[in-house]
């Protein structure tokens, strides 16, 4: 046992190191609201290649995007970007 370490009892949270203020926990949804891939593995080229994002469909709950390899045009992935819930369309 290391004598310089003190034992903590129960569920006492550790204190932040001196000189560093404690950061508030960021919400995961806010950090990664819009994520775009820049390179994905292409099965045709057999390596990670740059990709282009292309809008495929506009769906009621969001937009469907497809990622294609810039070298051979093979589809390498897709994502659905969810729309804000408070957005309304009027005709």
PDB file of N, CA and C in Angstrom:
ATOM      1  N   UNK A   1       0.847  -1.189   0.000  1.00  0.00           N
ATOM      2  CA  UNK A   1       0.000   0.000   0.000  1.00  0.00           C
ATOM      3  C   UNK A   1       0.884   1.240   0.000  1.00  0.00           C
ATOM      4  N   UNK A   2       0.520   2.192  -0.788  1.00  0.00           N
ATOM      5  CA  UNK A   2       1.271   3.427  -0.929  1.00  0.00           C
ATOM      6  C   UNK A   2       0.878   4.385   0.197  1.00  0.00           C
ATOM      7  N   UNK A   3       1.816   4.802   1.050  1.00  0.00           N
ATOM      8  CA  UNK A   3       1.457   5.687   2.169  1.00  0.00           C
ATOM      9  C   UNK A   3       1.023   7.075   1.736  1.00  0.00           C
ATOM     10  N   UNK A   4       1.402   7.528   0.521  1.00  0.00           N
ATOM     11  CA  UNK A   4       1.017   8.874   0.083  1.00  0.00           C
ATOM     12  C   UNK A   4      -0.430   8.926  -0.403  1.00  0.00           C
ATOM     13  N   UNK A   5      -1.024   7.769  -0.662  1.00  0.00           N
ATOM     14  CA  UNK A   5      -2.424   7.726  -1.087  1.00  0.00           C
ATOM     15  C   UNK A   5      -3.326   7.698   0.136  1.00  0.00           C
ATOM     16  N   UNK A   6      -4.358   8.459   0.107  1.00  0.00           N
ATOM     17  CA  UNK A   6      -5.316   8.411   1.206  1.00  0.00           C
ATOM     18  C   UNK A   6      -6.489   7.552   0.781  1.00  0.00           C
ATOM     19  N   UNK A   7      -7.069   6.865   1.720  1.00  0.00           N
ATOM     20  CA  UNK A   7      -8.226   6.028   1.420  1.00  0.00           C
ATOM     21  C   UNK A   7      -9.471   6.890   1.405  1.00  0.00           C
ATOM     22  N   UNK A   8     -10.321   6.598   0.458  1.00  0.00           N
ATOM     23  CA  UNK A   8     -11.595   7.310   0.385  1.00  0.00           C
ATOM     24  C   UNK A   8     -12.683   6.372   0.872  1.00  0.00           C
ATOM     25  N   UNK A   9     -13.609   6.909   1.584  1.00  0.00           N
ATOM     26  CA  UNK A   9     -14.683   6.072   2.100  1.00  0.00           C
ATOM     27  C   UNK A   9     -15.939   6.276   1.272  1.00  0.00           C
ATOM     28  N   UNK A  10     -16.614   5.186   0.994  1.00  0.00           N
ATOM     29  CA  UNK A  10     -17.906   5.249   0.333  1.00  0.00           C
ATOM     30  C   UNK A  10     -17.855   5.816  -1.070  1.00  0.00           C
ATOM     31  N   UNK A  11     -18.828   6.648  -1.380  1.00  0.00           N
ATOM     32  CA  UNK A  11     -18.983   7.226  -2.712  1.00  0.00           C
ATOM     33  C   UNK A  11     -18.619   8.695  -2.731  1.00  0.00           C
ATOM     34  N   UNK A  12     -17.498   9.053  -2.193  1.00  0.00           N
ATOM     35  CA  UNK A  12     -17.049  10.441  -2.170  1.00  0.00           C
ATOM     36  C   UNK A  12     -16.397  10.735  -3.520  1.00  0.00           C
ATOM     37  N   UNK A  13     -16.907  11.710  -4.293  1.00  0.00           N
ATOM     38  CA  UNK A  13     -16.308  12.022  -5.591  1.00  0.00           C
ATOM     39  C   UNK A  13     -14.926  12.641  -5.427  1.00  0.00           C
ATOM     40  N   UNK A  14     -14.009  12.335  -6.342  1.00  0.00           N
ATOM     41  CA  UNK A  14     -12.667  12.918  -6.241  1.00  0.00           C
ATOM     42  C   UNK A  14     -12.711  14.412  -6.519  1.00  0.00           C
ATOM     43  N   UNK A  15     -11.834  15.147  -5.890  1.00  0.00           N
ATOM     44  CA  UNK A  15     -11.745  16.584  -6.117  1.00  0.00           C
ATOM     45  C   UNK A  15     -10.868  16.844  -7.335  1.00  0.00           C
ATOM     46  N   UNK A  16     -11.131  17.893  -8.112  1.00  0.00           N
ATOM     47  CA  UNK A  16     -10.303  18.180  -9.288  1.00  0.00           C
ATOM     48  C   UNK A  16      -8.895  18.580  -8.852  1.00  0.00           C
ATOM     49  N   UNK A  17      -7.882  18.315  -9.688  1.00  0.00           N
ATOM     50  CA  UNK A  17      -6.516  18.706  -9.347  1.00  0.00           C
ATOM     51  C   UNK A  17      -6.404  20.214  -9.142  1.00  0.00           C
ATOM     52  N   UNK A  18      -5.469  20.626  -8.312  1.00  0.00           N
ATOM     53  CA  UNK A  18      -5.272  22.048  -8.023  1.00  0.00           C
ATOM     54  C   UNK A  18      -4.883  22.794  -9.287  1.00  0.00           C
ATOM     55  N   UNK A  19      -5.422  23.968  -9.482  1.00  0.00           N
ATOM     56  CA  UNK A  19      -5.091  24.786 -10.642  1.00  0.00           C
ATOM     57  C   UNK A  19      -5.991  24.524 -11.838  1.00  0.00           C
ATOM     58  N   UNK A  20      -6.815  23.487 -11.783  1.00  0.00           N
ATOM     59  CA  UNK A  20      -7.734  23.186 -12.884  1.00  0.00           C
ATOM     60  C   UNK A  20      -9.163  23.323 -12.389  1.00  0.00           C
ATOM     61  N   UNK A  21      -9.947  24.181 -13.014  1.00  0.00           N
ATOM     62  CA  UNK A  21     -11.351  24.271 -12.606  1.00  0.00           C
ATOM     63  C   UNK A  21     -12.113  23.054 -13.133  1.00  0.00           C
ATOM     64  N   UNK A  22     -13.106  22.627 -12.393  1.00  0.00           N
ATOM     65  CA  UNK A  22     -13.931  21.499 -12.825  1.00  0.00           C
ATOM     66  C   UNK A  22     -14.801  21.943 -13.995  1.00  0.00           C
ATOM     67  N   UNK A  23     -14.793  21.143 -15.078  1.00  0.00           N
ATOM     68  CA  UNK A  23     -15.617  21.459 -16.244  1.00  0.00           C
ATOM     69  C   UNK A  23     -16.998  20.854 -16.094  1.00  0.00           C
ATOM     70  N   UNK A  24     -18.040  21.582 -16.501  1.00  0.00           N
ATOM     71  CA  UNK A  24     -19.377  20.978 -16.466  1.00  0.00           C
ATOM     72  C   UNK A  24     -19.461  19.911 -17.559  1.00  0.00           C
ATOM     73  N   UNK A  25     -20.217  18.865 -17.284  1.00  0.00           N
ATOM     74  CA  UNK A  25     -20.367  17.778 -18.252  1.00  0.00           C
ATOM     75  C   UNK A  25     -21.192  18.272 -19.436  1.00  0.00           C
ATOM     76  N   UNK A  26     -20.659  18.118 -20.637  1.00  0.00           N
ATOM     77  CA  UNK A  26     -21.377  18.526 -21.845  1.00  0.00           C
ATOM     78  C   UNK A  26     -22.348  17.425 -22.252  1.00  0.00           C
ATOM     79  N   UNK A  27     -23.454  17.817 -22.811  1.00  0.00           N
ATOM     80  CA  UNK A  27     -24.439  16.834 -23.259  1.00  0.00           C
ATOM     81  C   UNK A  27     -23.962  16.215 -24.564  1.00  0.00           C
ATOM     82  N   UNK A  28     -23.994  14.889 -24.689  1.00  0.00           N
ATOM     83  CA  UNK A  28     -23.525  14.228 -25.907  1.00  0.00           C
ATOM     84  C   UNK A  28     -24.262  14.689 -27.162  1.00  0.00           C
ATOM     85  N   UNK A  29     -25.536  14.986 -27.050  1.00  0.00           N
ATOM     86  CA  UNK A  29     -26.289  15.418 -28.222  1.00  0.00           C
ATOM     87  C   UNK A  29     -25.769  16.749 -28.757  1.00  0.00           C
ATOM     88  N   UNK A  30     -25.345  17.626 -27.870  1.00  0.00           N
ATOM     89  CA  UNK A  30     -24.831  18.926 -28.284  1.00  0.00           C
ATOM     90  C   UNK A  30     -23.462  18.817 -28.924  1.00  0.00           C
ATOM     91  N   UNK A  31     -22.630  17.877 -28.458  1.00  0.00           N
ATOM     92  CA  UNK A  31     -21.289  17.731 -28.990  1.00  0.00           C
ATOM     93  C   UNK A  31     -21.301  17.202 -30.420  1.00  0.00           C
ATOM     94  N   UNK A  32     -22.167  16.266 -30.702  1.00  0.00           N
ATOM     95  CA  UNK A  32     -22.152  15.589 -31.991  1.00  0.00           C
ATOM     96  C   UNK A  32     -23.453  15.798 -32.749  1.00  0.00           C
ATOM     97  N   UNK A  33     -23.897  17.014 -32.800  1.00  0.00           N
ATOM     98  CA  UNK A  33     -25.166  17.290 -33.476  1.00  0.00           C
ATOM     99  C   UNK A  33     -25.083  16.936 -34.961  1.00  0.00           C
ATOM    100  N   UNK A  34     -24.028  17.320 -35.624  1.00  0.00           N
ATOM    101  CA  UNK A  34     -23.868  17.032 -37.045  1.00  0.00           C
ATOM    102  C   UNK A  34     -22.488  16.444 -37.268  1.00  0.00           C
ATOM    103  N   UNK A  35     -22.448  15.170 -37.577  1.00  0.00           N
ATOM    104  CA  UNK A  35     -21.191  14.467 -37.790  1.00  0.00           C
ATOM    105  C   UNK A  35     -21.088  14.097 -39.259  1.00  0.00           C
ATOM    106  N   UNK A  36     -19.981  14.442 -39.908  1.00  0.00           N
ATOM    107  CA  UNK A  36     -19.778  14.128 -41.325  1.00  0.00           C
ATOM    108  C   UNK A  36     -18.490  13.342 -41.499  1.00  0.00           C
ATOM    109  N   UNK A  37     -18.579  12.257 -42.227  1.00  0.00           N
ATOM    110  CA  UNK A  37     -17.398  11.432 -42.473  1.00  0.00           C
ATOM    111  C   UNK A  37     -16.546  12.076 -43.557  1.00  0.00           C
ATOM    112  N   UNK A  38     -15.234  12.035 -43.392  1.00  0.00           N
ATOM    113  CA  UNK A  38     -14.329  12.564 -44.410  1.00  0.00           C
ATOM    114  C   UNK A  38     -13.653  11.438 -45.168  1.00  0.00           C
ATOM    115  N   UNK A  39     -13.496  10.268 -44.527  1.00  0.00           N
ATOM    116  CA  UNK A  39     -12.899   9.100 -45.181  1.00  0.00           C
ATOM    117  C   UNK A  39     -13.530   7.843 -44.597  1.00  0.00           C
ATOM    118  N   UNK A  40     -13.862   6.898 -45.475  1.00  0.00           N
ATOM    119  CA  UNK A  40     -14.424   5.617 -45.068  1.00  0.00           C
ATOM    120  C   UNK A  40     -13.744   4.504 -45.854  1.00  0.00           C
ATOM    121  N   UNK A  41     -13.842   3.280 -45.350  1.00  0.00           N
ATOM    122  CA  UNK A  41     -13.246   2.141 -46.037  1.00  0.00           C
ATOM    123  C   UNK A  41     -14.057   1.828 -47.291  1.00  0.00           C
ATOM    124  N   UNK A  42     -13.367   1.716 -48.428  1.00  0.00           N
ATOM    125  CA  UNK A  42     -14.003   1.370 -49.705  1.00  0.00           C
ATOM    126  C   UNK A  42     -13.660  -0.083 -50.033  1.00  0.00           C
ATOM    127  N   UNK A  43     -14.663  -0.952 -50.183  1.00  0.00           N
ATOM    128  CA  UNK A  43     -14.378  -2.352 -50.493  1.00  0.00           C
ATOM    129  C   UNK A  43     -13.786  -2.540 -51.888  1.00  0.00           C
ATOM    130  N   UNK A  44     -14.084  -1.654 -52.814  1.00  0.00           N
ATOM    131  CA  UNK A  44     -13.538  -1.735 -54.173  1.00  0.00           C
ATOM    132  C   UNK A  44     -12.050  -1.355 -54.197  1.00  0.00           C
ATOM    133  N   UNK A  45     -11.701  -0.254 -53.540  1.00  0.00           N
ATOM    134  CA  UNK A  45     -10.308   0.215 -53.502  1.00  0.00           C
ATOM    135  C   UNK A  45      -9.490  -0.513 -52.427  1.00  0.00           C
ATOM    136  N   UNK A  46     -10.164  -1.180 -51.497  1.00  0.00           N
ATOM    137  CA  UNK A  46      -9.546  -1.915 -50.398  1.00  0.00           C
ATOM    138  C   UNK A  46      -8.677  -1.044 -49.490  1.00  0.00           C
ATOM    139  N   UNK A  47      -9.145   0.166 -49.244  1.00  0.00           N
ATOM    140  CA  UNK A  47      -8.480   1.081 -48.322  1.00  0.00           C
ATOM    141  C   UNK A  47      -9.446   2.196 -47.947  1.00  0.00           C
ATOM    142  N   UNK A  48      -9.090   2.947 -46.919  1.00  0.00           N
ATOM    143  CA  UNK A  48      -9.890   4.109 -46.538  1.00  0.00           C
ATOM    144  C   UNK A  48      -9.649   5.214 -47.560  1.00  0.00           C
ATOM    145  N   UNK A  49     -10.714   5.749 -48.101  1.00  0.00           N
ATOM    146  CA  UNK A  49     -10.614   6.788 -49.131  1.00  0.00           C
ATOM    147  C   UNK A  49     -11.494   7.973 -48.764  1.00  0.00           C
ATOM    148  N   UNK A  50     -11.207   9.149 -49.308  1.00  0.00           N
ATOM    149  CA  UNK A  50     -12.106  10.293 -49.104  1.00  0.00           C
ATOM    150  C   UNK A  50     -13.477   9.987 -49.693  1.00  0.00           C
ATOM    151  N   UNK A  51     -14.504  10.560 -49.106  1.00  0.00           N
ATOM    152  CA  UNK A  51     -15.871  10.314 -49.572  1.00  0.00           C
ATOM    153  C   UNK A  51     -16.595  11.617 -49.859  1.00  0.00           C
ATOM    154  N   UNK A  52     -17.614  11.504 -50.687  1.00  0.00           N
ATOM    155  CA  UNK A  52     -18.531  12.625 -50.965  1.00  0.00           C
ATOM    156  C   UNK A  52     -19.878  12.297 -50.344  1.00  0.00           C
ATOM    157  N   UNK A  53     -20.465  13.289 -49.716  1.00  0.00           N
ATOM    158  CA  UNK A  53     -21.777  13.111 -49.110  1.00  0.00           C
ATOM    159  C   UNK A  53     -22.829  13.548 -50.121  1.00  0.00           C
ATOM    160  N   UNK A  54     -23.831  12.687 -50.338  1.00  0.00           N
ATOM    161  CA  UNK A  54     -24.865  12.983 -51.327  1.00  0.00           C
ATOM    162  C   UNK A  54     -26.238  12.804 -50.678  1.00  0.00           C
ATOM    163  N   UNK A  55     -27.119  13.777 -50.843  1.00  0.00           N
ATOM    164  CA  UNK A  55     -28.472  13.678 -50.309  1.00  0.00           C
ATOM    165  C   UNK A  55     -29.256  12.688 -51.156  1.00  0.00           C
ATOM    166  N   UNK A  56     -29.739  11.619 -50.539  1.00  0.00           N
ATOM    167  CA  UNK A  56     -30.499  10.592 -51.252  1.00  0.00           C
ATOM    168  C   UNK A  56     -31.996  10.829 -51.184  1.00  0.00           C
ATOM    169  N   UNK A  57     -32.517  10.954 -49.957  1.00  0.00           N
ATOM    170  CA  UNK A  57     -33.957  11.097 -49.759  1.00  0.00           C
ATOM    171  C   UNK A  57     -34.254  12.139 -48.693  1.00  0.00           C
ATOM    172  N   UNK A  58     -35.375  12.806 -48.862  1.00  0.00           N
ATOM    173  CA  UNK A  58     -35.885  13.698 -47.825  1.00  0.00           C
ATOM    174  C   UNK A  58     -37.059  12.964 -47.194  1.00  0.00           C
ATOM    175  N   UNK A  59     -36.887  12.535 -45.962  1.00  0.00           N
ATOM    176  CA  UNK A  59     -37.879  11.739 -45.255  1.00  0.00           C
ATOM    177  C   UNK A  59     -38.630  12.603 -44.253  1.00  0.00           C
ATOM    178  N   UNK A  60     -39.810  12.163 -43.797  1.00  0.00           N
ATOM    179  CA  UNK A  60     -40.560  12.945 -42.804  1.00  0.00           C
ATOM    180  C   UNK A  60     -39.789  13.152 -41.497  1.00  0.00           C
ATOM    181  N   UNK A  61     -38.955  12.188 -41.114  1.00  0.00           N
ATOM    182  CA  UNK A  61     -38.227  12.320 -39.852  1.00  0.00           C
ATOM    183  C   UNK A  61     -36.803  12.818 -40.027  1.00  0.00           C
ATOM    184  N   UNK A  62     -36.359  13.081 -41.250  1.00  0.00           N
ATOM    185  CA  UNK A  62     -35.003  13.577 -41.480  1.00  0.00           C
ATOM    186  C   UNK A  62     -34.549  13.348 -42.906  1.00  0.00           C
ATOM    187  N   UNK A  63     -33.275  13.570 -43.157  1.00  0.00           N
ATOM    188  CA  UNK A  63     -32.701  13.404 -44.495  1.00  0.00           C
ATOM    189  C   UNK A  63     -31.769  12.207 -44.518  1.00  0.00           C
ATOM    190  N   UNK A  64     -31.822  11.423 -45.600  1.00  0.00           N
ATOM    191  CA  UNK A  64     -30.953  10.268 -45.763  1.00  0.00           C
ATOM    192  C   UNK A  64     -29.819  10.652 -46.706  1.00  0.00           C
ATOM    193  N   UNK A  65     -28.581  10.508 -46.214  1.00  0.00           N
ATOM    194  CA  UNK A  65     -27.397  10.831 -47.001  1.00  0.00           C
ATOM    195  C   UNK A  65     -26.640   9.553 -47.334  1.00  0.00           C
ATOM    196  N   UNK A  66     -25.979   9.542 -48.482  1.00  0.00           N
ATOM    197  CA  UNK A  66     -25.148   8.423 -48.885  1.00  0.00           C
ATOM    198  C   UNK A  66     -23.725   8.919 -49.051  1.00  0.00           C
ATOM    199  N   UNK A  67     -22.764   8.104 -48.631  1.00  0.00           N
ATOM    200  CA  UNK A  67     -21.349   8.413 -48.798  1.00  0.00           C
ATOM    201  C   UNK A  67     -20.794   7.572 -49.933  1.00  0.00           C
ATOM    202  N   UNK A  68     -20.100   8.220 -50.902  1.00  0.00           N
ATOM    203  CA  UNK A  68     -19.505   7.521 -52.032  1.00  0.00           C
ATOM    204  C   UNK A  68     -18.023   7.819 -52.120  1.00  0.00           C
ATOM    205  N   UNK A  69     -17.256   6.804 -52.508  1.00  0.00           N
ATOM    206  CA  UNK A  69     -15.810   6.920 -52.689  1.00  0.00           C
ATOM    207  C   UNK A  69     -15.527   7.913 -53.816  1.00  0.00           C
ATOM    208  N   UNK A  70     -14.573   8.818 -53.619  1.00  0.00           N
ATOM    209  CA  UNK A  70     -14.252   9.807 -54.654  1.00  0.00           C
ATOM    210  C   UNK A  70     -13.470   9.187 -55.816  1.00  0.00           C
ATOM    211  N   UNK A  71     -12.828   8.038 -55.581  1.00  0.00           N
ATOM    212  CA  UNK A  71     -12.019   7.423 -56.640  1.00  0.00           C
ATOM    213  C   UNK A  71     -12.841   6.544 -57.574  1.00  0.00           C
ATOM    214  N   UNK A  72     -13.689   5.654 -57.020  1.00  0.00           N
ATOM    215  CA  UNK A  72     -14.406   4.698 -57.867  1.00  0.00           C
ATOM    216  C   UNK A  72     -15.923   4.889 -57.858  1.00  0.00           C
ATOM    217  N   UNK A  73     -16.463   5.681 -56.927  1.00  0.00           N
ATOM    218  CA  UNK A  73     -17.900   5.938 -56.879  1.00  0.00           C
ATOM    219  C   UNK A  73     -18.707   4.894 -56.132  1.00  0.00           C
ATOM    220  N   UNK A  74     -18.047   3.925 -55.484  1.00  0.00           N
ATOM    221  CA  UNK A  74     -18.746   2.893 -54.728  1.00  0.00           C
ATOM    222  C   UNK A  74     -19.388   3.486 -53.482  1.00  0.00           C
ATOM    223  N   UNK A  75     -20.609   3.055 -53.177  1.00  0.00           N
ATOM    224  CA  UNK A  75     -21.279   3.497 -51.968  1.00  0.00           C
ATOM    225  C   UNK A  75     -20.572   2.878 -50.775  1.00  0.00           C
ATOM    226  N   UNK A  76     -20.133   3.722 -49.837  1.00  0.00           N
ATOM    227  CA  UNK A  76     -19.378   3.227 -48.681  1.00  0.00           C
ATOM    228  C   UNK A  76     -20.138   3.377 -47.368  1.00  0.00           C
ATOM    229  N   UNK A  77     -21.293   4.011 -47.381  1.00  0.00           N
ATOM    230  CA  UNK A  77     -22.067   4.159 -46.157  1.00  0.00           C
ATOM    231  C   UNK A  77     -23.208   5.131 -46.323  1.00  0.00           C
ATOM    232  N   UNK A  78     -23.999   5.275 -45.270  1.00  0.00           N
ATOM    233  CA  UNK A  78     -25.119   6.209 -45.286  1.00  0.00           C
ATOM    234  C   UNK A  78     -25.388   6.686 -43.868  1.00  0.00           C
ATOM    235  N   UNK A  79     -26.155   7.753 -43.777  1.00  0.00           N
ATOM    236  CA  UNK A  79     -26.578   8.259 -42.466  1.00  0.00           C
ATOM    237  C   UNK A  79     -27.921   8.939 -42.621  1.00  0.00           C
ATOM    238  N   UNK A  80     -28.692   8.937 -41.544  1.00  0.00           N
ATOM    239  CA  UNK A  80     -29.956   9.663 -41.496  1.00  0.00           C
ATOM    240  C   UNK A  80     -29.777  10.793 -40.504  1.00  0.00           C
ATOM    241  N   UNK A  81     -29.949  12.003 -40.972  1.00  0.00           N
ATOM    242  CA  UNK A  81     -29.834  13.182 -40.113  1.00  0.00           C
ATOM    243  C   UNK A  81     -31.235  13.571 -39.688  1.00  0.00           C
ATOM    244  N   UNK A  82     -31.514  13.436 -38.396  1.00  0.00           N
ATOM    245  CA  UNK A  82     -32.850  13.716 -37.862  1.00  0.00           C
ATOM    246  C   UNK A  82     -33.114  15.210 -37.867  1.00  0.00           C
ATOM    247  N   UNK A  83     -34.340  15.567 -38.201  1.00  0.00           N
ATOM    248  CA  UNK A  83     -34.750  16.970 -38.228  1.00  0.00           C
ATOM    249  C   UNK A  83     -35.120  17.421 -36.821  1.00  0.00           C
ATOM    250  N   UNK A  84     -35.106  18.731 -36.613  1.00  0.00           N
ATOM    251  CA  UNK A  84     -35.552  19.312 -35.354  1.00  0.00           C
ATOM    252  C   UNK A  84     -37.040  19.011 -35.202  1.00  0.00           C
ATOM    253  N   UNK A  85     -37.486  18.751 -33.986  1.00  0.00           N
ATOM    254  CA  UNK A  85     -38.894  18.413 -33.754  1.00  0.00           C
ATOM    255  C   UNK A  85     -39.818  19.619 -33.869  1.00  0.00           C
ATOM    256  N   UNK A  86     -39.305  20.824 -33.697  1.00  0.00           N
ATOM    257  CA  UNK A  86     -40.149  22.010 -33.726  1.00  0.00           C
ATOM    258  C   UNK A  86     -40.279  22.629 -35.118  1.00  0.00           C
ATOM    259  N   UNK A  87     -39.710  21.989 -36.143  1.00  0.00           N
ATOM    260  CA  UNK A  87     -39.799  22.503 -37.505  1.00  0.00           C
ATOM    261  C   UNK A  87     -41.150  22.110 -38.102  1.00  0.00           C
ATOM    262  N   UNK A  88     -41.857  23.081 -38.653  1.00  0.00           N
ATOM    263  CA  UNK A  88     -43.157  22.829 -39.263  1.00  0.00           C
ATOM    264  C   UNK A  88     -43.180  23.386 -40.665  1.00  0.00           C
ATOM    265  N   UNK A  89     -43.805  22.655 -41.571  1.00  0.00           N
ATOM    266  CA  UNK A  89     -43.963  23.100 -42.953  1.00  0.00           C
ATOM    267  C   UNK A  89     -45.396  23.515 -43.194  1.00  0.00           C
ATOM    268  N   UNK A  90     -45.584  24.679 -43.776  1.00  0.00           N
ATOM    269  CA  UNK A  90     -46.911  25.164 -44.113  1.00  0.00           C
ATOM    270  C   UNK A  90     -46.988  25.404 -45.610  1.00  0.00           C
ATOM    271  N   UNK A  91     -48.083  24.964 -46.208  1.00  0.00           N
ATOM    272  CA  UNK A  91     -48.280  25.159 -47.657  1.00  0.00           C
ATOM    273  C   UNK A  91     -49.382  26.115 -47.913  1.00  0.00           C
TER     274      UNK A  91
END
